[in-house]
C-alpha atoms as a PDB file:
ATOM      1  CA  UNK A   1      11.323-115.909-188.763  1.00  0.00           C
ATOM      2  CA  UNK A   2      10.425-112.777-189.771  1.00  0.00           C
ATOM      3  CA  UNK A   3       7.417-111.166-192.111  1.00  0.00           C
ATOM      4  CA  UNK A   4      10.109-110.629-194.866  1.00  0.00           C
ATOM      5  CA  UNK A   5      11.760-113.947-195.065  1.00  0.00           C
ATOM      6  CA  UNK A   6       8.344-116.562-195.452  1.00  0.00           C
ATOM      7  CA  UNK A   7       8.362-118.293-198.721  1.00  0.00           C
ATOM      8  CA  UNK A   8       5.579-118.382-201.437  1.00  0.00           C
ATOM      9  CA  UNK A   9       3.505-120.716-199.800  1.00  0.00           C
ATOM     10  CA  UNK A  10       0.747-121.041-202.456  1.00  0.00           C
ATOM     11  CA  UNK A  11       0.171-119.434-206.100  1.00  0.00           C
ATOM     12  CA  UNK A  12      -2.472-116.660-206.130  1.00  0.00           C
ATOM     13  CA  UNK A  13      -5.553-117.075-208.249  1.00  0.00           C
ATOM     14  CA  UNK A  14      -4.569-114.857-211.397  1.00  0.00           C
ATOM     15  CA  UNK A  15      -7.526-113.564-212.167  1.00  0.00           C
ATOM     16  CA  UNK A  16      -8.090-112.389-208.662  1.00  0.00           C
ATOM     17  CA  UNK A  17      -4.652-110.943-208.496  1.00  0.00           C
ATOM     18  CA  UNK A  18      -5.346-109.090-211.868  1.00  0.00           C
ATOM     19  CA  UNK A  19      -8.514-107.020-210.315  1.00  0.00           C
ATOM     20  CA  UNK A  20      -6.703-106.225-206.920  1.00  0.00           C
ATOM     21  CA  UNK A  21      -4.321-104.643-208.706  1.00  0.00           C
ATOM     22  CA  UNK A  22      -6.659-102.607-210.623  1.00  0.00           C
ATOM     23  CA  UNK A  23      -8.321-101.644-207.941  1.00  0.00           C
ATOM     24  CA  UNK A  24      -4.770-100.517-205.914  1.00  0.00           C
ATOM     25  CA  UNK A  25      -3.738 -98.348-209.088  1.00  0.00           C
ATOM     26  CA  UNK A  26      -6.848 -96.842-209.439  1.00  0.00           C
ATOM     27  CA  UNK A  27      -7.129 -98.124-212.617  1.00  0.00           C
ATOM     28  CA  UNK A  28     -10.925 -98.575-214.451  1.00  0.00           C
ATOM     29  CA  UNK A  29     -11.767 -99.004-218.171  1.00  0.00           C
ATOM     30  CA  UNK A  30     -15.515 -97.053-217.867  1.00  0.00           C
ATOM     31  CA  UNK A  31     -15.638 -94.771-220.934  1.00  0.00           C
ATOM     32  CA  UNK A  32     -13.421 -97.099-223.054  1.00  0.00           C
ATOM     33  CA  UNK A  33     -14.932 -99.407-226.042  1.00  0.00           C
ATOM     34  CA  UNK A  34     -15.439-102.882-226.281  1.00  0.00           C
ATOM     35  CA  UNK A  35     -16.530-105.144-229.043  1.00  0.00           C
ATOM     36  CA  UNK A  36     -19.390-106.850-227.159  1.00  0.00           C
ATOM     37  CA  UNK A  37     -21.654-106.132-224.690  1.00  0.00           C
ATOM     38  CA  UNK A  38     -20.444-109.121-222.518  1.00  0.00           C
ATOM     39  CA  UNK A  39     -16.985-108.001-222.413  1.00  0.00           C
ATOM     40  CA  UNK A  40     -17.972-104.362-221.170  1.00  0.00           C
ATOM     41  CA  UNK A  41     -20.338-106.311-218.190  1.00  0.00           C
ATOM     42  CA  UNK A  42     -17.434-108.454-217.472  1.00  0.00           C
ATOM     43  CA  UNK A  43     -14.810-105.754-217.128  1.00  0.00           C
ATOM     44  CA  UNK A  44     -17.299-103.375-215.249  1.00  0.00           C
ATOM     45  CA  UNK A  45     -18.014-106.423-212.780  1.00  0.00           C
ATOM     46  CA  UNK A  46     -14.244-107.130-212.142  1.00  0.00           C
ATOM     47  CA  UNK A  47     -13.447-104.196-211.336  1.00  0.00           C
ATOM     48  CA  UNK A  48     -16.212-103.283-208.590  1.00  0.00           C
ATOM     49  CA  UNK A  49     -16.139-106.632-207.180  1.00  0.00           C
ATOM     50  CA  UNK A  50     -13.770-106.550-205.146  1.00  0.00           C
ATOM     51  CA  UNK A  51     -14.616-102.940-203.525  1.00  0.00           C
ATOM     52  CA  UNK A  52     -18.006-104.285-203.094  1.00  0.00           C
ATOM     53  CA  UNK A  53     -17.101-107.691-201.292  1.00  0.00           C
ATOM     54  CA  UNK A  54     -14.575-105.328-198.837  1.00  0.00           C
ATOM     55  CA  UNK A  55     -17.100-102.257-198.267  1.00  0.00           C
ATOM     56  CA  UNK A  56     -20.573-104.548-197.824  1.00  0.00           C
ATOM     57  CA  UNK A  57     -21.579-102.766-200.480  1.00  0.00           C
ATOM     58  CA  UNK A  58     -23.514-102.952-204.066  1.00  0.00           C
ATOM     59  CA  UNK A  59     -22.150-100.906-206.837  1.00  0.00           C
ATOM     60  CA  UNK A  60     -23.665-100.814-210.167  1.00  0.00           C
ATOM     61  CA  UNK A  61     -23.587 -98.743-213.521  1.00  0.00           C
ATOM     62  CA  UNK A  62     -24.930 -99.141-217.077  1.00  0.00           C
ATOM     63  CA  UNK A  63     -23.932-101.337-220.502  1.00  0.00           C
ATOM     64  CA  UNK A  64     -24.465 -99.282-223.407  1.00  0.00           C
ATOM     65  CA  UNK A  65     -23.299 -99.355-227.175  1.00  0.00           C
ATOM     66  CA  UNK A  66     -22.457 -96.107-229.591  1.00  0.00           C
ATOM     67  CA  UNK A  67     -21.056 -96.437-232.555  1.00  0.00           C
ATOM     68  CA  UNK A  68     -20.812-100.034-233.132  1.00  0.00           C
ATOM     69  CA  UNK A  69     -18.828-100.482-229.603  1.00  0.00           C
ATOM     70  CA  UNK A  70     -20.046-101.392-226.245  1.00  0.00           C
ATOM     71  CA  UNK A  71     -19.425 -99.223-223.450  1.00  0.00           C
ATOM     72  CA  UNK A  72     -19.674 -99.442-219.614  1.00  0.00           C
ATOM     73  CA  UNK A  73     -20.743 -96.199-216.888  1.00  0.00           C
ATOM     74  CA  UNK A  74     -18.713 -95.856-214.229  1.00  0.00           C
ATOM     75  CA  UNK A  75     -20.162 -97.483-211.375  1.00  0.00           C
ATOM     76  CA  UNK A  76     -22.627 -95.769-208.401  1.00  0.00           C
ATOM     77  CA  UNK A  77     -23.450 -96.892-204.907  1.00  0.00           C
ATOM     78  CA  UNK A  78     -25.878 -96.378-202.367  1.00  0.00           C
ATOM     79  CA  UNK A  79     -23.339 -97.575-199.797  1.00  0.00           C
ATOM     80  CA  UNK A  80     -26.284-100.502-199.037  1.00  0.00           C
ATOM     81  CA  UNK A  81     -25.545-103.971-198.565  1.00  0.00           C
ATOM     82  CA  UNK A  82     -29.181-104.226-200.564  1.00  0.00           C
ATOM     83  CA  UNK A  83     -29.991-101.744-203.124  1.00  0.00           C
ATOM     84  CA  UNK A  84     -28.200-100.926-206.255  1.00  0.00           C
ATOM     85  CA  UNK A  85     -29.350 -97.812-208.556  1.00  0.00           C
ATOM     86  CA  UNK A  86     -27.139 -97.906-212.504  1.00  0.00           C
ATOM     87  CA  UNK A  87     -28.648 -94.742-213.019  1.00  0.00           C
ATOM     88  CA  UNK A  88     -31.040 -93.084-215.730  1.00  0.00           C
ATOM     89  CA  UNK A  89     -31.096 -94.313-219.256  1.00  0.00           C
ATOM     90  CA  UNK A  90     -28.350 -92.642-221.486  1.00  0.00           C
ATOM     91  CA  UNK A  91     -29.830 -90.111-224.287  1.00  0.00           C
ATOM     92  CA  UNK A  92     -28.608 -90.456-228.066  1.00  0.00           C
ATOM     93  CA  UNK A  93     -27.156 -94.403-227.284  1.00  0.00           C
ATOM     94  CA  UNK A  94     -28.666 -97.929-227.416  1.00  0.00           C
ATOM     95  CA  UNK A  95     -29.286 -98.863-223.536  1.00  0.00           C
ATOM     96  CA  UNK A  96     -28.083-102.527-223.667  1.00  0.00           C
ATOM     97  CA  UNK A  97     -28.588-103.226-219.533  1.00  0.00           C
ATOM     98  CA  UNK A  98     -27.515-103.148-216.180  1.00  0.00           C
ATOM     99  CA  UNK A  99     -24.045-104.158-214.250  1.00  0.00           C
ATOM    100  CA  UNK A 100     -24.193-104.370-210.895  1.00  0.00           C
ATOM    101  CA  UNK A 101     -22.713-106.720-207.821  1.00  0.00           C
ATOM    102  CA  UNK A 102     -23.804-108.156-205.009  1.00  0.00           C
ATOM    103  CA  UNK A 103     -22.665-107.585-201.730  1.00  0.00           C
ATOM    104  CA  UNK A 104     -20.193-109.575-199.417  1.00  0.00           C
ATOM    105  CA  UNK A 105     -22.509-110.678-197.109  1.00  0.00           C
ATOM    106  CA  UNK A 106     -21.850-114.038-198.890  1.00  0.00           C
ATOM    107  CA  UNK A 107     -25.481-115.405-197.653  1.00  0.00           C
ATOM    108  CA  UNK A 108     -26.375-118.855-200.413  1.00  0.00           C
ATOM    109  CA  UNK A 109     -28.979-116.093-202.201  1.00  0.00           C
ATOM    110  CA  UNK A 110     -26.082-113.647-203.044  1.00  0.00           C
ATOM    111  CA  UNK A 111     -25.263-116.375-205.658  1.00  0.00           C
ATOM    112  CA  UNK A 112     -28.797-116.275-207.346  1.00  0.00           C
ATOM    113  CA  UNK A 113     -30.540-113.577-209.449  1.00  0.00           C
ATOM    114  CA  UNK A 114     -33.211-112.270-206.684  1.00  0.00           C
ATOM    115  CA  UNK A 115     -37.272-111.701-208.064  1.00  0.00           C
ATOM    116  CA  UNK A 116     -36.274-107.770-207.620  1.00  0.00           C
ATOM    117  CA  UNK A 117     -33.114-108.124-209.868  1.00  0.00           C
ATOM    118  CA  UNK A 118     -35.564-110.095-212.396  1.00  0.00           C
ATOM    119  CA  UNK A 119     -38.500-107.387-211.741  1.00  0.00           C
ATOM    120  CA  UNK A 120     -35.998-104.475-212.574  1.00  0.00           C
ATOM    121  CA  UNK A 121     -34.372-106.055-215.532  1.00  0.00           C
ATOM    122  CA  UNK A 122     -38.589-107.032-217.168  1.00  0.00           C
ATOM    123  CA  UNK A 123     -39.611-103.537-216.089  1.00  0.00           C
ATOM    124  CA  UNK A 124     -36.659-101.566-217.572  1.00  0.00           C
ATOM    125  CA  UNK A 125     -36.411-103.766-220.630  1.00  0.00           C
ATOM    126  CA  UNK A 126     -32.605-104.375-219.620  1.00  0.00           C
ATOM    127  CA  UNK A 127     -30.125-107.195-219.980  1.00  0.00           C
ATOM    128  CA  UNK A 128     -28.826-107.342-216.275  1.00  0.00           C
ATOM    129  CA  UNK A 129     -25.504-108.556-215.658  1.00  0.00           C
ATOM    130  CA  UNK A 130     -24.518-109.492-212.025  1.00  0.00           C
ATOM    131  CA  UNK A 131     -21.221-110.619-209.894  1.00  0.00           C
ATOM    132  CA  UNK A 132     -21.907-112.224-207.055  1.00  0.00           C
ATOM    133  CA  UNK A 133     -19.850-112.515-203.700  1.00  0.00           C
ATOM    134  CA  UNK A 134     -17.884-116.023-205.113  1.00  0.00           C
ATOM    135  CA  UNK A 135     -17.297-114.616-208.274  1.00  0.00           C
ATOM    136  CA  UNK A 136     -19.566-115.696-210.620  1.00  0.00           C
ATOM    137  CA  UNK A 137     -20.695-113.300-213.142  1.00  0.00           C
ATOM    138  CA  UNK A 138     -24.478-114.234-214.852  1.00  0.00           C
ATOM    139  CA  UNK A 139     -26.392-112.318-217.549  1.00  0.00           C
ATOM    140  CA  UNK A 140     -30.389-112.347-217.036  1.00  0.00           C
ATOM    141  CA  UNK A 141     -32.333-111.780-220.192  1.00  0.00           C
ATOM    142  CA  UNK A 142     -35.917-109.939-219.912  1.00  0.00           C
ATOM    143  CA  UNK A 143     -38.744-111.969-221.964  1.00  0.00           C
ATOM    144  CA  UNK A 144     -39.149-109.034-223.971  1.00  0.00           C
ATOM    145  CA  UNK A 145     -35.581-108.972-225.656  1.00  0.00           C
ATOM    146  CA  UNK A 146     -35.264-112.891-225.397  1.00  0.00           C
ATOM    147  CA  UNK A 147     -35.897-113.894-229.440  1.00  0.00           C
ATOM    148  CA  UNK A 148     -39.810-115.272-229.991  1.00  0.00           C
ATOM    149  CA  UNK A 149     -40.669-118.381-228.781  1.00  0.00           C
ATOM    150  CA  UNK A 150     -38.247-119.227-226.503  1.00  0.00           C
ATOM    151  CA  UNK A 151     -40.309-119.037-223.540  1.00  0.00           C
ATOM    152  CA  UNK A 152     -44.044-119.647-222.858  1.00  0.00           C
ATOM    153  CA  UNK A 153     -46.268-116.789-222.511  1.00  0.00           C
ATOM    154  CA  UNK A 154     -46.122-114.978-219.105  1.00  0.00           C
ATOM    155  CA  UNK A 155     -42.718-116.153-218.171  1.00  0.00           C
ATOM    156  CA  UNK A 156     -40.037-114.139-217.361  1.00  0.00           C
ATOM    157  CA  UNK A 157     -36.869-114.397-219.073  1.00  0.00           C
ATOM    158  CA  UNK A 158     -33.767-117.011-218.685  1.00  0.00           C
ATOM    159  CA  UNK A 159     -30.341-116.634-217.142  1.00  0.00           C
ATOM    160  CA  UNK A 160     -26.705-117.455-218.437  1.00  0.00           C
ATOM    161  CA  UNK A 161     -23.477-118.137-216.592  1.00  0.00           C
ATOM    162  CA  UNK A 162     -20.715-116.261-218.109  1.00  0.00           C
ATOM    163  CA  UNK A 163     -18.091-117.528-215.453  1.00  0.00           C
ATOM    164  CA  UNK A 164     -18.056-119.629-212.118  1.00  0.00           C
ATOM    165  CA  UNK A 165     -16.693-118.390-209.133  1.00  0.00           C
ATOM    166  CA  UNK A 166     -15.504-120.294-206.150  1.00  0.00           C
ATOM    167  CA  UNK A 167     -17.264-123.021-204.859  1.00  0.00           C
ATOM    168  CA  UNK A 168     -20.330-123.036-202.348  1.00  0.00           C
ATOM    169  CA  UNK A 169     -17.729-123.945-199.364  1.00  0.00           C
ATOM    170  CA  UNK A 170     -16.101-120.420-199.772  1.00  0.00           C
ATOM    171  CA  UNK A 171     -16.463-118.098-196.785  1.00  0.00           C
ATOM    172  CA  UNK A 172     -15.750-114.569-196.631  1.00  0.00           C
ATOM    173  CA  UNK A 173     -12.605-114.686-195.113  1.00  0.00           C
ATOM    174  CA  UNK A 174     -11.408-117.901-196.854  1.00  0.00           C
ATOM    175  CA  UNK A 175     -11.772-115.969-200.149  1.00  0.00           C
ATOM    176  CA  UNK A 176     -10.669-112.912-198.998  1.00  0.00           C
ATOM    177  CA  UNK A 177      -7.159-114.893-198.149  1.00  0.00           C
ATOM    178  CA  UNK A 178      -6.835-115.779-201.478  1.00  0.00           C
ATOM    179  CA  UNK A 179      -6.991-111.920-202.778  1.00  0.00           C
ATOM    180  CA  UNK A 180      -3.422-111.372-201.265  1.00  0.00           C
ATOM    181  CA  UNK A 181      -0.302-112.564-203.056  1.00  0.00           C
ATOM    182  CA  UNK A 182       1.648-114.589-200.105  1.00  0.00           C
ATOM    183  CA  UNK A 183       4.601-112.435-200.193  1.00  0.00           C
ATOM    184  CA  UNK A 184       2.447-109.556-200.121  1.00  0.00           C
ATOM    185  CA  UNK A 185       3.482-106.683-197.267  1.00  0.00           C
ATOM    186  CA  UNK A 186       1.061-104.179-195.543  1.00  0.00           C
ATOM    187  CA  UNK A 187       3.130-101.752-193.128  1.00  0.00           C
ATOM    188  CA  UNK A 188       2.727 -98.385-191.900  1.00  0.00           C
ATOM    189  CA  UNK A 189       1.444 -95.463-194.469  1.00  0.00           C
ATOM    190  CA  UNK A 190       0.129 -97.771-197.489  1.00  0.00           C
ATOM    191  CA  UNK A 191      -3.089 -97.395-199.033  1.00  0.00           C
ATOM    192  CA  UNK A 192      -5.905 -99.297-200.718  1.00  0.00           C
ATOM    193  CA  UNK A 193      -8.562-101.850-199.953  1.00  0.00           C
ATOM    194  CA  UNK A 194      -6.506-104.857-198.927  1.00  0.00           C
ATOM    195  CA  UNK A 195      -5.653-102.163-195.940  1.00  0.00           C
ATOM    196  CA  UNK A 196      -9.860-102.183-195.782  1.00  0.00           C
ATOM    197  CA  UNK A 197      -9.355-105.741-195.564  1.00  0.00           C
ATOM    198  CA  UNK A 198      -6.902-106.360-192.864  1.00  0.00           C
ATOM    199  CA  UNK A 199      -8.757-103.021-190.748  1.00  0.00           C
ATOM    200  CA  UNK A 200     -12.338-105.554-190.946  1.00  0.00           C
ATOM    201  CA  UNK A 201      -9.913-108.407-189.976  1.00  0.00           C
ATOM    202  CA  UNK A 202      -8.838-106.930-186.390  1.00  0.00           C
ATOM    203  CA  UNK A 203     -12.302-105.645-185.792  1.00  0.00           C
ATOM    204  CA  UNK A 204     -13.556-109.205-185.950  1.00  0.00           C
ATOM    205  CA  UNK A 205     -10.584-110.202-183.180  1.00  0.00           C
ATOM    206  CA  UNK A 206     -10.926-110.762-179.505  1.00  0.00           C
ATOM    207  CA  UNK A 207     -11.849-107.700-177.297  1.00  0.00           C
ATOM    208  CA  UNK A 208      -9.249-105.324-177.558  1.00  0.00           C
ATOM    209  CA  UNK A 209      -7.929-102.404-175.007  1.00  0.00           C
ATOM    210  CA  UNK A 210      -8.006 -99.981-178.601  1.00  0.00           C
ATOM    211  CA  UNK A 211     -10.661 -98.884-180.260  1.00  0.00           C
ATOM    212  CA  UNK A 212     -12.299-100.126-183.429  1.00  0.00           C
ATOM    213  CA  UNK A 213     -10.833 -99.356-186.507  1.00  0.00           C
ATOM    214  CA  UNK A 214     -12.680 -97.019-189.268  1.00  0.00           C
ATOM    215  CA  UNK A 215     -12.126 -99.044-192.541  1.00  0.00           C
ATOM    216  CA  UNK A 216     -10.771 -96.697-194.352  1.00  0.00           C
ATOM    217  CA  UNK A 217      -7.927 -98.127-196.270  1.00  0.00           C
ATOM    218  CA  UNK A 218      -5.321 -95.864-194.564  1.00  0.00           C
ATOM    219  CA  UNK A 219      -2.469 -98.039-192.379  1.00  0.00           C
ATOM    220  CA  UNK A 220      -2.004 -95.302-190.249  1.00  0.00           C
ATOM    221  CA  UNK A 221      -1.439 -94.879-186.290  1.00  0.00           C
ATOM    222  CA  UNK A 222      -4.446 -96.234-185.577  1.00  0.00           C
ATOM    223  CA  UNK A 223      -4.183 -99.050-187.508  1.00  0.00           C
ATOM    224  CA  UNK A 224      -0.607 -99.930-186.741  1.00  0.00           C
ATOM    225  CA  UNK A 225      -1.682-100.060-182.976  1.00  0.00           C
ATOM    226  CA  UNK A 226      -3.916-102.388-183.806  1.00  0.00           C
ATOM    227  CA  UNK A 227      -1.738-104.715-185.675  1.00  0.00           C
ATOM    228  CA  UNK A 228       1.215-104.777-182.510  1.00  0.00           C
ATOM    229  CA  UNK A 229      -1.210-105.650-179.969  1.00  0.00           C
ATOM    230  CA  UNK A 230      -2.582-108.185-182.295  1.00  0.00           C
ATOM    231  CA  UNK A 231       0.847-109.300-182.571  1.00  0.00           C
ATOM    232  CA  UNK A 232       1.863-109.444-179.427  1.00  0.00           C
ATOM    233  CA  UNK A 233      -1.251-111.422-178.247  1.00  0.00           C
ATOM    234  CA  UNK A 234      -0.685-114.064-180.838  1.00  0.00           C
ATOM    235  CA  UNK A 235       3.038-114.364-180.095  1.00  0.00           C
ATOM    236  CA  UNK A 236       4.220-112.797-183.321  1.00  0.00           C
ATOM    237  CA  UNK A 237       7.249-110.609-183.945  1.00  0.00           C
ATOM    238  CA  UNK A 238       6.232-107.431-183.253  1.00  0.00           C
ATOM    239  CA  UNK A 239       6.994-105.230-186.153  1.00  0.00           C
ATOM    240  CA  UNK A 240       3.969-103.640-187.051  1.00  0.00           C
ATOM    241  CA  UNK A 241       3.996-105.483-190.275  1.00  0.00           C
ATOM    242  CA  UNK A 242       1.214-107.150-191.824  1.00  0.00           C
ATOM    243  CA  UNK A 243       3.037-110.271-193.404  1.00  0.00           C
ATOM    244  CA  UNK A 244       2.262-114.022-194.703  1.00  0.00           C
ATOM    245  CA  UNK A 245       2.624-115.117-190.955  1.00  0.00           C
ATOM    246  CA  UNK A 246       0.047-112.254-189.083  1.00  0.00           C
ATOM    247  CA  UNK A 247      -1.984-112.263-192.209  1.00  0.00           C
ATOM    248  CA  UNK A 248      -2.450-116.625-191.536  1.00  0.00           C
ATOM    249  CA  UNK A 249      -3.006-115.610-187.833  1.00  0.00           C
ATOM    250  CA  UNK A 250      -5.928-112.933-188.914  1.00  0.00           C
ATOM    251  CA  UNK A 251      -7.385-115.399-191.290  1.00  0.00           C
ATOM    252  CA  UNK A 252      -7.418-118.777-189.379  1.00  0.00           C
ATOM    253  CA  UNK A 253      -9.444-116.437-186.692  1.00  0.00           C
ATOM    254  CA  UNK A 254     -11.810-115.733-189.347  1.00  0.00           C
END
């Protein structure tokens, strides 16, 4: 059976598919108006999520209000898995807070607001929004912005879960597996963040006679050579196309 003939085996998660498609089309709604700060933040976090996990970098930006509407700034990255910078507060607007991602290491602590996250929010008097590697979105409201009498003196603010993510058993590559449509094919000449995931998976495979791939999201000659080598070693059709059968073998070994 060829890669092209494999039937759909399982439905893709609609929310995840929407996020991936937005990235592949280079869509961004930074600068668009929203009715609430939470909606603006969730949209921003959905846009940075996949790129954050694929690159293992944190991304961040700001949420602000102008003319009765809410907006988010374009995301920034320090290319770090542990640090992020949303940029300075904006002039002539109402600065609401910040948004950021936790990178793709899938550690238990990545699913929580860190003490540093909370302190940044407290000192900056910013509402803080975060998306975790498993897709959970949380909001932290510092004590200075909490309604009077809701928190004891000297305590920090409080957290709200805006959207639950995958369960605690999800692994990095198990979650990546759900980011592909069952019929999706990656082939020579393709570009995008899904190609980065394929390159990362190939780099984790048993020793290869070929050099490690730069996860640049470009399916070029080097990626084609690694794909063909992997297919040969795993007794798959040696067509250089990453379809359901090749991808299943890659994830199984992840």
